[in-house]
Amino acid sequence: MSKPKTYVETSVVSYLTALPSRDLVVAAQQQVTIDWWTSRHAYFLFASDFVLDEAGRGDPMAAARRMNALADVDLLETTD
């Protein structure tokens, strides 16, 4: 049986790599994302150049954390 395919959007790596929030709802979303990420090897993960472009913007240290999280994610081919 093959693994399910999952598209990783920017919000996933943003919640995953962000500093812990004091807002309870955001903190819960961060924790759910962290918990899911530990099981990521059960999926074929994909992202696009659009996700990489967006994840690479903003604060350089935060962008580096997001890009590091995306390092092992396969890229979809972008077409016109």
Protein backbone atom coordinates (compact mmCIF):
# COMPACT_ATOMS: atom_id res chain seq x y z
CA MET A 1 0.00 0.00 0.00
CA SER A 2 1.41 3.39 -0.93
CA LYS A 3 1.59 6.40 1.30
CA PRO A 4 -1.01 9.16 0.96
CA LYS A 5 0.13 12.29 -0.85
CA THR A 6 -0.11 15.56 1.07
CA TYR A 7 0.43 19.11 -0.13
CA VAL A 8 2.25 21.24 2.45
CA GLU A 9 1.29 24.88 2.33
CA THR A 10 3.13 27.77 3.94
CA SER A 11 0.89 27.93 7.00
CA VAL A 12 1.99 24.42 8.03
CA VAL A 13 5.68 25.31 8.20
CA SER A 14 4.81 28.68 9.72
CA TYR A 15 2.98 27.06 12.64
CA LEU A 16 5.68 24.40 12.87
CA THR A 17 8.62 26.79 13.15
CA ALA A 18 7.12 29.85 14.84
CA LEU A 19 8.06 30.88 18.34
CA PRO A 20 5.48 29.60 20.84
CA SER A 21 2.43 31.83 20.97
CA ARG A 22 0.80 33.09 24.14
CA ASP A 23 -2.57 33.08 22.35
CA LEU A 24 -4.21 29.79 23.37
CA VAL A 25 -5.84 29.12 20.01
CA VAL A 26 -2.64 29.78 18.07
CA ALA A 27 -0.61 27.77 20.59
CA ALA A 28 -3.01 24.84 20.11
CA GLN A 29 -2.68 25.11 16.33
CA GLN A 30 1.08 25.13 16.68
CA GLN A 31 1.02 22.03 18.88
CA VAL A 32 -1.30 20.13 16.54
CA THR A 33 1.04 20.98 13.66
CA ILE A 34 4.10 19.86 15.62
CA ASP A 35 2.37 16.61 16.55
CA TRP A 36 1.34 15.95 12.94
CA TRP A 37 4.83 16.80 11.66
CA THR A 38 6.32 14.00 13.76
CA SER A 39 4.26 11.56 11.64
CA ARG A 40 5.13 13.22 8.31
CA HIS A 41 7.13 10.18 7.17
CA ALA A 42 3.83 8.33 6.76
CA TYR A 43 3.06 10.65 3.81
CA PHE A 44 4.59 11.69 0.52
CA LEU A 45 4.94 15.43 1.09
CA PHE A 46 4.81 17.95 -1.72
CA ALA A 47 5.06 21.72 -1.96
CA SER A 48 5.43 24.18 -4.80
CA ASP A 49 7.81 26.95 -5.74
CA PHE A 50 5.09 29.32 -4.54
CA VAL A 51 5.36 27.86 -1.04
CA LEU A 52 9.15 28.14 -1.11
CA ASP A 53 8.95 31.75 -2.26
CA GLU A 54 6.49 32.67 0.48
CA ALA A 55 8.31 30.70 3.19
CA GLY A 56 11.56 32.45 2.31
CA ARG A 57 10.15 35.93 2.93
CA GLY A 58 10.11 37.97 6.11
CA ASP A 59 12.43 37.78 9.08
CA PRO A 60 15.62 36.05 7.93
CA MET A 61 15.86 33.75 10.97
CA ALA A 62 12.20 32.72 10.75
CA ALA A 63 12.54 32.22 6.99
CA ALA A 64 15.58 30.00 7.54
CA ARG A 65 13.61 27.82 9.98
CA ARG A 66 10.75 27.49 7.48
CA MET A 67 13.10 26.67 4.60
CA ASN A 68 14.88 24.08 6.74
CA ALA A 69 11.55 22.40 7.49
CA LEU A 70 10.82 22.26 3.75
CA ALA A 71 14.23 20.86 2.81
CA ASP A 72 13.03 17.25 2.46
CA VAL A 73 9.67 18.05 0.84
CA ASP A 74 9.39 17.20 -2.86
CA LEU A 75 8.54 20.03 -5.23
CA LEU A 76 5.71 19.92 -7.70
CA GLU A 77 6.53 21.01 -11.21
CA THR A 78 5.10 24.44 -11.98
CA THR A 79 3.57 24.87 -15.42
CA ASP A 80 2.09 27.78 -17.29
